PDB file of all heavy atoms in Angstrom:
ATOM      1  N   GLU A   1     -44.127 -98.353   4.476  1.00  0.00           N
ATOM      2  CA  GLU A   1     -43.726 -97.982   5.834  1.00  0.00           C
ATOM      3  C   GLU A   1     -43.497 -96.449   5.906  1.00  0.00           C
ATOM      4  O   GLU A   1     -42.787 -95.957   5.006  1.00  0.00           O
ATOM      5  CB  GLU A   1     -42.532 -98.712   6.255  1.00  0.00           C
ATOM      6  CG  GLU A   1     -42.024 -98.496   7.650  1.00  0.00           C
ATOM      7  CD  GLU A   1     -40.723 -99.062   7.926  1.00  0.00           C
ATOM      8  OE1 GLU A   1     -39.845 -99.169   7.018  1.00  0.00           O
ATOM      9  OE2 GLU A   1     -40.542 -99.605   9.124  1.00  0.00           O
ATOM     10  N   ASN A   2     -43.921 -95.891   6.987  1.00  0.00           N
ATOM     11  CA  ASN A   2     -43.633 -94.380   7.084  1.00  0.00           C
ATOM     12  C   ASN A   2     -42.628 -94.214   8.298  1.00  0.00           C
ATOM     13  O   ASN A   2     -42.896 -94.470   9.404  1.00  0.00           O
ATOM     14  CB  ASN A   2     -45.007 -93.691   7.430  1.00  0.00           C
ATOM     15  CG  ASN A   2     -44.772 -92.206   7.684  1.00  0.00           C
ATOM     16  OD1 ASN A   2     -43.893 -91.739   7.267  1.00  0.00           O
ATOM     17  ND2 ASN A   2     -45.745 -91.568   8.568  1.00  0.00           N
ATOM     18  N   ARG A   3     -41.481 -93.658   7.857  1.00  0.00           N
ATOM     19  CA  ARG A   3     -40.498 -93.249   8.791  1.00  0.00           C
ATOM     20  C   ARG A   3     -40.514 -91.737   8.889  1.00  0.00           C
ATOM     21  O   ARG A   3     -40.535 -91.100   7.907  1.00  0.00           O
ATOM     22  CB  ARG A   3     -39.209 -93.722   8.346  1.00  0.00           C
ATOM     23  CG  ARG A   3     -38.896 -95.325   8.499  1.00  0.00           C
ATOM     24  CD  ARG A   3     -37.407 -95.604   8.255  1.00  0.00           C
ATOM     25  NE  ARG A   3     -37.219 -97.065   8.689  1.00  0.00           N
ATOM     26  CZ  ARG A   3     -36.095 -97.540   9.070  1.00  0.00           C
ATOM     27  NH1 ARG A   3     -34.953 -96.783   9.266  1.00  0.00           N
ATOM     28  NH2 ARG A   3     -35.908 -98.815   9.317  1.00  0.00           N
ATOM     29  N   THR A   4     -40.511 -91.352  10.190  1.00  0.00           N
ATOM     30  CA  THR A   4     -40.598 -89.763  10.360  1.00  0.00           C
ATOM     31  C   THR A   4     -39.417 -89.290  11.076  1.00  0.00           C
ATOM     32  O   THR A   4     -38.943 -89.810  12.177  1.00  0.00           O
ATOM     33  CB  THR A   4     -41.972 -89.409  11.142  1.00  0.00           C
ATOM     34  OG1 THR A   4     -43.046 -89.809  10.438  1.00  0.00           O
ATOM     35  CG2 THR A   4     -41.990 -87.996  11.396  1.00  0.00           C
ATOM     36  N   TYR A   5     -38.798 -88.153  10.631  1.00  0.00           N
ATOM     37  CA  TYR A   5     -37.624 -87.559  11.341  1.00  0.00           C
ATOM     38  C   TYR A   5     -38.079 -86.172  11.678  1.00  0.00           C
ATOM     39  O   TYR A   5     -38.599 -85.383  10.918  1.00  0.00           O
ATOM     40  CB  TYR A   5     -36.518 -87.509  10.357  1.00  0.00           C
ATOM     41  CG  TYR A   5     -35.391 -86.533  10.977  1.00  0.00           C
ATOM     42  CD1 TYR A   5     -34.697 -87.031  12.090  1.00  0.00           C
ATOM     43  CD2 TYR A   5     -35.107 -85.285  10.219  1.00  0.00           C
ATOM     44  CE1 TYR A   5     -33.758 -85.994  12.544  1.00  0.00           C
ATOM     45  CE2 TYR A   5     -34.055 -84.468  10.699  1.00  0.00           C
ATOM     46  CZ  TYR A   5     -33.316 -84.897  11.886  1.00  0.00           C
ATOM     47  OH  TYR A   5     -32.418 -84.070  12.483  1.00  0.00           O
ATOM     48  N   VAL A   6     -37.883 -85.841  12.973  1.00  0.00           N
ATOM     49  CA  VAL A   6     -38.090 -84.413  13.413  1.00  0.00           C
ATOM     50  C   VAL A   6     -36.858 -83.874  14.331  1.00  0.00           C
ATOM     51  O   VAL A   6     -35.935 -84.779  14.706  1.00  0.00           O
ATOM     52  CB  VAL A   6     -39.345 -84.476  14.510  1.00  0.00           C
ATOM     53  CG1 VAL A   6     -40.590 -84.836  13.681  1.00  0.00           C
ATOM     54  CG2 VAL A   6     -39.000 -85.394  15.544  1.00  0.00           C
ATOM     55  N   TRP A   7     -36.674 -82.566  14.242  1.00  0.00           N
ATOM     56  CA  TRP A   7     -35.489 -82.137  15.025  1.00  0.00           C
ATOM     57  C   TRP A   7     -35.909 -80.892  15.946  1.00  0.00           C
ATOM     58  O   TRP A   7     -35.026 -80.358  16.580  1.00  0.00           O
ATOM     59  CB  TRP A   7     -34.527 -81.536  14.061  1.00  0.00           C
ATOM     60  CG  TRP A   7     -34.925 -80.446  13.157  1.00  0.00           C
ATOM     61  CD1 TRP A   7     -35.562 -80.552  11.877  1.00  0.00           C
ATOM     62  CD2 TRP A   7     -34.726 -78.946  13.435  1.00  0.00           C
ATOM     63  NE1 TRP A   7     -35.919 -79.277  11.379  1.00  0.00           N
ATOM     64  CE2 TRP A   7     -35.475 -78.303  12.259  1.00  0.00           C
ATOM     65  CE3 TRP A   7     -34.337 -78.271  14.456  1.00  0.00           C
ATOM     66  CZ2 TRP A   7     -35.530 -76.847  12.272  1.00  0.00           C
ATOM     67  CZ3 TRP A   7     -34.363 -76.912  14.433  1.00  0.00           C
ATOM     68  CH2 TRP A   7     -34.934 -76.155  13.296  1.00  0.00           C
ATOM     69  N   ASN A   8     -37.214 -80.643  16.237  1.00  0.00           N
ATOM     70  CA  ASN A   8     -37.649 -79.735  17.147  1.00  0.00           C
ATOM     71  C   ASN A   8     -38.968 -80.079  17.767  1.00  0.00           C
ATOM     72  O   ASN A   8     -39.547 -81.064  17.427  1.00  0.00           O
ATOM     73  CB  ASN A   8     -37.752 -78.351  16.520  1.00  0.00           C
ATOM     74  CG  ASN A   8     -38.814 -78.361  15.300  1.00  0.00           C
ATOM     75  OD1 ASN A   8     -40.001 -78.646  15.525  1.00  0.00           O
ATOM     76  ND2 ASN A   8     -38.358 -78.055  14.149  1.00  0.00           N
ATOM     77  N   LYS A   9     -39.249 -79.377  18.915  1.00  0.00           N
ATOM     78  CA  LYS A   9     -40.356 -79.656  19.744  1.00  0.00           C
ATOM     79  C   LYS A   9     -41.668 -79.676  19.044  1.00  0.00           C
ATOM     80  O   LYS A   9     -42.446 -80.500  19.149  1.00  0.00           O
ATOM     81  CB  LYS A   9     -40.352 -78.878  20.901  1.00  0.00           C
ATOM     82  CG  LYS A   9     -41.644 -78.986  21.806  1.00  0.00           C
ATOM     83  CD  LYS A   9     -41.536 -78.028  23.008  1.00  0.00           C
ATOM     84  CE  LYS A   9     -42.732 -78.074  23.838  1.00  0.00           C
ATOM     85  NZ  LYS A   9     -42.618 -77.224  25.117  1.00  0.00           N
ATOM     86  N   GLN A  10     -41.897 -78.636  18.200  1.00  0.00           N
ATOM     87  CA  GLN A  10     -43.099 -78.380  17.519  1.00  0.00           C
ATOM     88  C   GLN A  10     -43.366 -79.610  16.497  1.00  0.00           C
ATOM     89  O   GLN A  10     -44.546 -80.171  16.610  1.00  0.00           O
ATOM     90  CB  GLN A  10     -43.122 -77.121  16.794  1.00  0.00           C
ATOM     91  CG  GLN A  10     -43.041 -75.912  17.730  1.00  0.00           C
ATOM     92  CD  GLN A  10     -41.818 -75.675  18.305  1.00  0.00           C
ATOM     93  OE1 GLN A  10     -40.794 -75.990  17.933  1.00  0.00           O
ATOM     94  NE2 GLN A  10     -41.923 -75.008  19.548  1.00  0.00           N
ATOM     95  N   ASP A  11     -42.331 -80.201  15.838  1.00  0.00           N
ATOM     96  CA  ASP A  11     -42.565 -81.145  14.910  1.00  0.00           C
ATOM     97  C   ASP A  11     -42.784 -82.466  15.684  1.00  0.00           C
ATOM     98  O   ASP A  11     -43.505 -83.338  15.188  1.00  0.00           O
ATOM     99  CB  ASP A  11     -41.394 -81.305  14.006  1.00  0.00           C
ATOM    100  CG  ASP A  11     -41.334 -80.231  12.912  1.00  0.00           C
ATOM    101  OD1 ASP A  11     -42.242 -79.545  12.772  1.00  0.00           O
ATOM    102  OD2 ASP A  11     -40.270 -80.000  12.350  1.00  0.00           O
ATOM    103  N   LEU A  12     -42.099 -82.780  16.766  1.00  0.00           N
ATOM    104  CA  LEU A  12     -42.330 -83.895  17.464  1.00  0.00           C
ATOM    105  C   LEU A  12     -43.782 -83.916  18.104  1.00  0.00           C
ATOM    106  O   LEU A  12     -44.489 -84.945  17.884  1.00  0.00           O
ATOM    107  CB  LEU A  12     -41.401 -83.799  18.840  1.00  0.00           C
ATOM    108  CG  LEU A  12     -41.613 -84.955  19.810  1.00  0.00           C
ATOM    109  CD1 LEU A  12     -41.154 -86.373  19.199  1.00  0.00           C
ATOM    110  CD2 LEU A  12     -40.762 -84.701  21.142  1.00  0.00           C
ATOM    111  N   LEU A  13     -44.202 -82.951  18.633  1.00  0.00           N
ATOM    112  CA  LEU A  13     -45.755 -82.951  19.167  1.00  0.00           C
ATOM    113  C   LEU A  13     -46.697 -82.992  18.061  1.00  0.00           C
ATOM    114  O   LEU A  13     -47.773 -83.523  18.334  1.00  0.00           O
ATOM    115  CB  LEU A  13     -45.929 -81.588  19.966  1.00  0.00           C
ATOM    116  CG  LEU A  13     -44.963 -81.478  21.207  1.00  0.00           C
ATOM    117  CD1 LEU A  13     -45.472 -80.239  22.004  1.00  0.00           C
ATOM    118  CD2 LEU A  13     -44.996 -82.601  22.022  1.00  0.00           C
ATOM    119  N   SER A  14     -46.200 -82.600  16.848  1.00  0.00           N
ATOM    120  CA  SER A  14     -47.257 -82.826  15.786  1.00  0.00           C
ATOM    121  C   SER A  14     -47.218 -84.296  15.141  1.00  0.00           C
ATOM    122  O   SER A  14     -48.088 -84.309  14.197  1.00  0.00           O
ATOM    123  CB  SER A  14     -46.878 -81.718  14.760  1.00  0.00           C
ATOM    124  OG  SER A  14     -47.130 -80.440  15.242  1.00  0.00           O
ATOM    125  N   VAL A  15     -46.360 -84.911  15.387  1.00  0.00           N
ATOM    126  CA  VAL A  15     -46.317 -86.332  14.774  1.00  0.00           C
ATOM    127  C   VAL A  15     -47.564 -87.069  14.964  1.00  0.00           C
ATOM    128  O   VAL A  15     -48.030 -87.273  16.110  1.00  0.00           O
ATOM    129  CB  VAL A  15     -45.117 -87.086  15.473  1.00  0.00           C
ATOM    130  CG1 VAL A  15     -45.108 -88.677  15.003  1.00  0.00           C
ATOM    131  CG2 VAL A  15     -43.704 -86.585  14.942  1.00  0.00           C
ATOM    132  N   ASN A  16     -48.032 -87.733  13.881  1.00  0.00           N
ATOM    133  CA  ASN A  16     -49.307 -88.568  13.984  1.00  0.00           C
ATOM    134  C   ASN A  16     -48.888 -89.811  14.226  1.00  0.00           C
ATOM    135  O   ASN A  16     -48.310 -90.603  13.239  1.00  0.00           O
ATOM    136  CB  ASN A  16     -50.005 -88.297  12.633  1.00  0.00           C
ATOM    137  CG  ASN A  16     -51.362 -89.083  12.611  1.00  0.00           C
ATOM    138  OD1 ASN A  16     -51.569 -90.023  13.464  1.00  0.00           O
ATOM    139  ND2 ASN A  16     -52.359 -88.761  11.784  1.00  0.00           N
ATOM    140  N   VAL A  17     -49.048 -90.408  15.378  1.00  0.00           N
ATOM    141  CA  VAL A  17     -48.494 -91.731  15.769  1.00  0.00           C
ATOM    142  C   VAL A  17     -49.345 -92.818  14.910  1.00  0.00           C
ATOM    143  O   VAL A  17     -48.837 -93.897  14.681  1.00  0.00           O
ATOM    144  CB  VAL A  17     -48.605 -91.966  17.127  1.00  0.00           C
ATOM    145  CG1 VAL A  17     -47.665 -90.964  17.945  1.00  0.00           C
ATOM    146  CG2 VAL A  17     -50.061 -91.970  17.686  1.00  0.00           C
ATOM    147  N   ASP A  18     -50.529 -92.509  14.490  1.00  0.00           N
ATOM    148  CA  ASP A  18     -51.434 -93.582  13.837  1.00  0.00           C
ATOM    149  C   ASP A  18     -50.763 -93.817  12.496  1.00  0.00           C
ATOM    150  O   ASP A  18     -50.891 -95.056  11.886  1.00  0.00           O
ATOM    151  CB  ASP A  18     -52.771 -93.058  13.552  1.00  0.00           C
ATOM    152  CG  ASP A  18     -53.578 -92.947  14.928  1.00  0.00           C
ATOM    153  OD1 ASP A  18     -53.177 -93.696  15.794  1.00  0.00           O
ATOM    154  OD2 ASP A  18     -54.443 -92.003  15.084  1.00  0.00           O
ATOM    155  N   THR A  19     -50.085 -92.828  11.818  1.00  0.00           N
ATOM    156  CA  THR A  19     -49.447 -93.013  10.565  1.00  0.00           C
ATOM    157  C   THR A  19     -47.940 -93.212  10.595  1.00  0.00           C
ATOM    158  O   THR A  19     -47.331 -93.108   9.493  1.00  0.00           O
ATOM    159  CB  THR A  19     -49.850 -91.847   9.598  1.00  0.00           C
ATOM    160  OG1 THR A  19     -49.395 -90.676  10.174  1.00  0.00           O
ATOM    161  CG2 THR A  19     -51.388 -91.795   9.462  1.00  0.00           C
ATOM    162  N   THR A  20     -47.408 -93.190  11.822  1.00  0.00           N
ATOM    163  CA  THR A  20     -45.868 -93.185  11.901  1.00  0.00           C
ATOM    164  C   THR A  20     -45.479 -94.657  12.289  1.00  0.00           C
ATOM    165  O   THR A  20     -45.877 -95.057  13.485  1.00  0.00           O
ATOM    166  CB  THR A  20     -45.440 -92.121  12.845  1.00  0.00           C
ATOM    167  OG1 THR A  20     -45.760 -90.897  12.499  1.00  0.00           O
ATOM    168  CG2 THR A  20     -43.914 -92.348  13.185  1.00  0.00           C
ATOM    169  N   ASP A  21     -44.564 -95.329  11.507  1.00  0.00           N
ATOM    170  CA  ASP A  21     -44.205 -96.607  11.933  1.00  0.00           C
ATOM    171  C   ASP A  21     -42.704 -96.546  12.715  1.00  0.00           C
ATOM    172  O   ASP A  21     -42.625 -97.393  13.649  1.00  0.00           O
ATOM    173  CB  ASP A  21     -43.909 -97.409  10.568  1.00  0.00           C
ATOM    174  CG  ASP A  21     -45.266 -97.686   9.914  1.00  0.00           C
ATOM    175  OD1 ASP A  21     -46.274 -98.147  10.534  1.00  0.00           O
ATOM    176  OD2 ASP A  21     -45.330 -97.249   8.612  1.00  0.00           O
ATOM    177  N   GLN A  22     -42.020 -95.626  12.285  1.00  0.00           N
ATOM    178  CA  GLN A  22     -40.703 -95.481  13.064  1.00  0.00           C
ATOM    179  C   GLN A  22     -40.415 -93.924  13.154  1.00  0.00           C
ATOM    180  O   GLN A  22     -40.662 -93.176  12.312  1.00  0.00           O
ATOM    181  CB  GLN A  22     -39.453 -96.085  12.250  1.00  0.00           C
ATOM    182  CG  GLN A  22     -39.650 -97.664  12.481  1.00  0.00           C
ATOM    183  CD  GLN A  22     -38.398 -98.345  11.934  1.00  0.00           C
ATOM    184  OE1 GLN A  22     -38.506 -99.131  10.948  1.00  0.00           O
ATOM    185  NE2 GLN A  22     -37.306 -98.256  12.613  1.00  0.00           N
ATOM    186  N   LEU A  23     -39.955 -93.509  14.415  1.00  0.00           N
ATOM    187  CA  LEU A  23     -39.688 -92.189  14.632  1.00  0.00           C
ATOM    188  C   LEU A  23     -38.323 -91.918  15.005  1.00  0.00           C
ATOM    189  O   LEU A  23     -37.817 -92.565  15.968  1.00  0.00           O
ATOM    190  CB  LEU A  23     -40.693 -91.785  15.694  1.00  0.00           C
ATOM    191  CG  LEU A  23     -40.643 -90.277  16.194  1.00  0.00           C
ATOM    192  CD1 LEU A  23     -40.840 -89.270  14.987  1.00  0.00           C
ATOM    193  CD2 LEU A  23     -41.695 -90.049  17.420  1.00  0.00           C
ATOM    194  N   LEU A  24     -37.624 -90.984  14.398  1.00  0.00           N
ATOM    195  CA  LEU A  24     -36.294 -90.551  14.796  1.00  0.00           C
ATOM    196  C   LEU A  24     -36.389 -89.013  15.129  1.00  0.00           C
ATOM    197  O   LEU A  24     -36.742 -88.199  14.338  1.00  0.00           O
ATOM    198  CB  LEU A  24     -35.294 -90.710  13.662  1.00  0.00           C
ATOM    199  CG  LEU A  24     -33.970 -90.171  13.720  1.00  0.00           C
ATOM    200  CD1 LEU A  24     -33.115 -90.769  14.975  1.00  0.00           C
ATOM    201  CD2 LEU A  24     -33.091 -90.365  12.596  1.00  0.00           C
ATOM    202  N   GLY A  25     -35.927 -88.684  16.311  1.00  0.00           N
ATOM    203  CA  GLY A  25     -35.941 -87.216  16.650  1.00  0.00           C
ATOM    204  C   GLY A  25     -34.386 -86.835  17.251  1.00  0.00           C
ATOM    205  O   GLY A  25     -34.059 -87.488  18.158  1.00  0.00           O
ATOM    206  N   LEU A  26     -33.778 -85.977  16.637  1.00  0.00           N
ATOM    207  CA  LEU A  26     -32.474 -85.553  17.008  1.00  0.00           C
ATOM    208  C   LEU A  26     -32.537 -83.941  17.265  1.00  0.00           C
ATOM    209  O   LEU A  26     -32.686 -83.244  16.270  1.00  0.00           O
ATOM    210  CB  LEU A  26     -31.484 -85.798  15.926  1.00  0.00           C
ATOM    211  CG  LEU A  26     -31.259 -87.237  15.631  1.00  0.00           C
ATOM    212  CD1 LEU A  26     -30.354 -87.390  14.451  1.00  0.00           C
ATOM    213  CD2 LEU A  26     -30.904 -87.976  16.849  1.00  0.00           C
ATOM    214  N   PHE A  27     -32.664 -83.562  18.496  1.00  0.00           N
ATOM    215  CA  PHE A  27     -33.024 -82.181  18.864  1.00  0.00           C
ATOM    216  C   PHE A  27     -31.885 -81.252  19.130  1.00  0.00           C
ATOM    217  O   PHE A  27     -32.175 -80.030  19.390  1.00  0.00           O
ATOM    218  CB  PHE A  27     -33.978 -82.226  20.039  1.00  0.00           C
ATOM    219  CG  PHE A  27     -35.117 -83.034  19.870  1.00  0.00           C
ATOM    220  CD1 PHE A  27     -35.234 -84.372  20.515  1.00  0.00           C
ATOM    221  CD2 PHE A  27     -36.213 -82.684  18.976  1.00  0.00           C
ATOM    222  CE1 PHE A  27     -36.253 -85.264  20.285  1.00  0.00           C
ATOM    223  CE2 PHE A  27     -37.274 -83.596  18.785  1.00  0.00           C
ATOM    224  CZ  PHE A  27     -37.258 -84.740  19.363  1.00  0.00           C
ATOM    225  N   GLU A  28     -30.598 -81.677  19.055  1.00  0.00           N
ATOM    226  CA  GLU A  28     -29.492 -80.786  19.238  1.00  0.00           C
ATOM    227  C   GLU A  28     -28.368 -81.456  18.369  1.00  0.00           C
ATOM    228  O   GLU A  28     -28.273 -82.629  18.170  1.00  0.00           O
ATOM    229  CB  GLU A  28     -29.031 -80.685  20.694  1.00  0.00           C
ATOM    230  CG  GLU A  28     -29.898 -79.700  21.452  1.00  0.00           C
ATOM    231  CD  GLU A  28     -29.529 -78.285  21.119  1.00  0.00           C
ATOM    232  OE1 GLU A  28     -28.372 -77.952  20.826  1.00  0.00           O
ATOM    233  OE2 GLU A  28     -30.481 -77.516  20.879  1.00  0.00           O
ATOM    234  N   PRO A  29     -27.465 -80.651  17.995  1.00  0.00           N
ATOM    235  CA  PRO A  29     -26.167 -81.144  17.337  1.00  0.00           C
ATOM    236  C   PRO A  29     -25.332 -82.030  18.212  1.00  0.00           C
ATOM    237  O   PRO A  29     -24.940 -83.160  17.883  1.00  0.00           O
ATOM    238  CB  PRO A  29     -25.316 -79.876  17.110  1.00  0.00           C
ATOM    239  CG  PRO A  29     -26.385 -78.770  17.014  1.00  0.00           C
ATOM    240  CD  PRO A  29     -27.339 -79.114  17.938  1.00  0.00           C
ATOM    241  N   SER A  30     -25.329 -81.745  19.460  1.00  0.00           N
ATOM    242  CA  SER A  30     -24.658 -82.645  20.582  1.00  0.00           C
ATOM    243  C   SER A  30     -25.716 -83.037  21.586  1.00  0.00           C
ATOM    244  O   SER A  30     -26.796 -83.501  21.181  1.00  0.00           O
ATOM    245  CB  SER A  30     -23.554 -81.857  21.332  1.00  0.00           C
ATOM    246  OG  SER A  30     -22.943 -82.782  22.173  1.00  0.00           O
ATOM    247  N   HIS A  31     -25.527 -82.931  22.817  1.00  0.00           N
ATOM    248  CA  HIS A  31     -26.506 -83.364  23.932  1.00  0.00           C
ATOM    249  C   HIS A  31     -27.678 -82.403  23.909  1.00  0.00           C
ATOM    250  O   HIS A  31     -27.569 -81.131  23.515  1.00  0.00           O
ATOM    251  CB  HIS A  31     -25.962 -83.373  25.367  1.00  0.00           C
ATOM    252  CG  HIS A  31     -24.694 -84.206  25.337  1.00  0.00           C
ATOM    253  ND1 HIS A  31     -24.821 -85.677  25.026  1.00  0.00           N
ATOM    254  CD2 HIS A  31     -23.405 -83.986  25.718  1.00  0.00           C
ATOM    255  CE1 HIS A  31     -23.487 -86.028  25.272  1.00  0.00           C
ATOM    256  NE2 HIS A  31     -22.736 -85.168  25.618  1.00  0.00           N
ATOM    257  N   CYS A  32     -28.928 -82.802  24.391  1.00  0.00           N
ATOM    258  CA  CYS A  32     -30.045 -81.931  24.521  1.00  0.00           C
ATOM    259  C   CYS A  32     -29.576 -80.982  25.619  1.00  0.00           C
ATOM    260  O   CYS A  32     -28.771 -81.207  26.507  1.00  0.00           O
ATOM    261  CB  CYS A  32     -31.209 -82.766  25.033  1.00  0.00           C
ATOM    262  SG  CYS A  32     -31.926 -83.834  23.813  1.00  0.00           S
ATOM    263  N   VAL A  33     -30.219 -79.821  25.523  1.00  0.00           N
ATOM    264  CA  VAL A  33     -29.823 -78.652  26.552  1.00  0.00           C
ATOM    265  C   VAL A  33     -30.382 -78.996  27.883  1.00  0.00           C
ATOM    266  O   VAL A  33     -31.290 -79.775  28.174  1.00  0.00           O
ATOM    267  CB  VAL A  33     -30.406 -77.365  26.234  1.00  0.00           C
ATOM    268  CG1 VAL A  33     -29.967 -76.862  24.782  1.00  0.00           C
ATOM    269  CG2 VAL A  33     -32.019 -77.340  26.173  1.00  0.00           C
ATOM    270  N   TYR A  34     -29.637 -78.573  28.911  1.00  0.00           N
ATOM    271  CA  TYR A  34     -30.157 -78.689  30.350  1.00  0.00           C
ATOM    272  C   TYR A  34     -31.515 -78.078  30.409  1.00  0.00           C
ATOM    273  O   TYR A  34     -31.922 -77.099  29.737  1.00  0.00           O
ATOM    274  CB  TYR A  34     -29.219 -77.963  31.248  1.00  0.00           C
ATOM    275  CG  TYR A  34     -27.889 -78.704  31.653  1.00  0.00           C
ATOM    276  CD1 TYR A  34     -26.610 -78.172  31.082  1.00  0.00           C
ATOM    277  CD2 TYR A  34     -27.803 -79.844  32.319  1.00  0.00           C
ATOM    278  CE1 TYR A  34     -25.485 -78.660  31.345  1.00  0.00           C
ATOM    279  CE2 TYR A  34     -26.630 -80.452  32.584  1.00  0.00           C
ATOM    280  CZ  TYR A  34     -25.422 -79.829  32.187  1.00  0.00           C
ATOM    281  OH  TYR A  34     -24.252 -80.499  32.332  1.00  0.00           O
ATOM    282  N   ASN A  35     -32.330 -78.692  31.342  1.00  0.00           N
ATOM    283  CA  ASN A  35     -33.697 -78.112  31.594  1.00  0.00           C
ATOM    284  C   ASN A  35     -33.700 -76.685  32.053  1.00  0.00           C
ATOM    285  O   ASN A  35     -34.537 -75.870  31.469  1.00  0.00           O
ATOM    286  CB  ASN A  35     -34.419 -78.943  32.550  1.00  0.00           C
ATOM    287  CG  ASN A  35     -35.854 -78.443  32.867  1.00  0.00           C
ATOM    288  OD1 ASN A  35     -36.668 -78.464  31.930  1.00  0.00           O
ATOM    289  ND2 ASN A  35     -36.075 -77.961  34.011  1.00  0.00           N
ATOM    290  N   LEU A  36     -32.753 -76.467  32.995  1.00  0.00           N
ATOM    291  CA  LEU A  36     -32.697 -75.082  33.421  1.00  0.00           C
ATOM    292  C   LEU A  36     -32.411 -73.973  32.133  1.00  0.00           C
ATOM    293  O   LEU A  36     -32.944 -72.889  32.319  1.00  0.00           O
ATOM    294  CB  LEU A  36     -31.521 -74.773  34.432  1.00  0.00           C
ATOM    295  CG  LEU A  36     -31.876 -75.451  35.806  1.00  0.00           C
ATOM    296  CD1 LEU A  36     -30.790 -75.314  36.836  1.00  0.00           C
ATOM    297  CD2 LEU A  36     -33.217 -74.670  36.435  1.00  0.00           C
ATOM    298  N   ASP A  37     -31.558 -74.318  31.261  1.00  0.00           N
ATOM    299  CA  ASP A  37     -31.320 -73.517  30.197  1.00  0.00           C
ATOM    300  C   ASP A  37     -32.555 -73.501  29.221  1.00  0.00           C
ATOM    301  O   ASP A  37     -32.707 -72.329  28.670  1.00  0.00           O
ATOM    302  CB  ASP A  37     -29.947 -74.074  29.288  1.00  0.00           C
ATOM    303  CG  ASP A  37     -28.751 -73.879  30.104  1.00  0.00           C
ATOM    304  OD1 ASP A  37     -28.715 -73.013  30.953  1.00  0.00           O
ATOM    305  OD2 ASP A  37     -27.804 -74.543  29.745  1.00  0.00           O
ATOM    306  N   ARG A  38     -33.215 -74.515  29.032  1.00  0.00           N
ATOM    307  CA  ARG A  38     -34.407 -74.550  28.317  1.00  0.00           C
ATOM    308  C   ARG A  38     -35.460 -73.649  28.853  1.00  0.00           C
ATOM    309  O   ARG A  38     -35.985 -72.782  28.136  1.00  0.00           O
ATOM    310  CB  ARG A  38     -35.059 -75.966  28.267  1.00  0.00           C
ATOM    311  CG  ARG A  38     -36.213 -76.098  27.250  1.00  0.00           C
ATOM    312  CD  ARG A  38     -36.771 -77.496  27.522  1.00  0.00           C
ATOM    313  NE  ARG A  38     -37.330 -77.732  28.840  1.00  0.00           N
ATOM    314  CZ  ARG A  38     -38.504 -77.239  29.217  1.00  0.00           C
ATOM    315  NH1 ARG A  38     -39.269 -76.523  28.357  1.00  0.00           N
ATOM    316  NH2 ARG A  38     -38.879 -77.399  30.460  1.00  0.00           N
TER     317      ARG A  38
END
């Protein structure tokens, strides 16, 4: 089984879903930033 962990946008968009069974993405220490701040 392939579990994939990512923590930024570039790695998320690069995830190969064909070879990924479970995906964990944590993009901030706390909440994700507001879109206006992004």
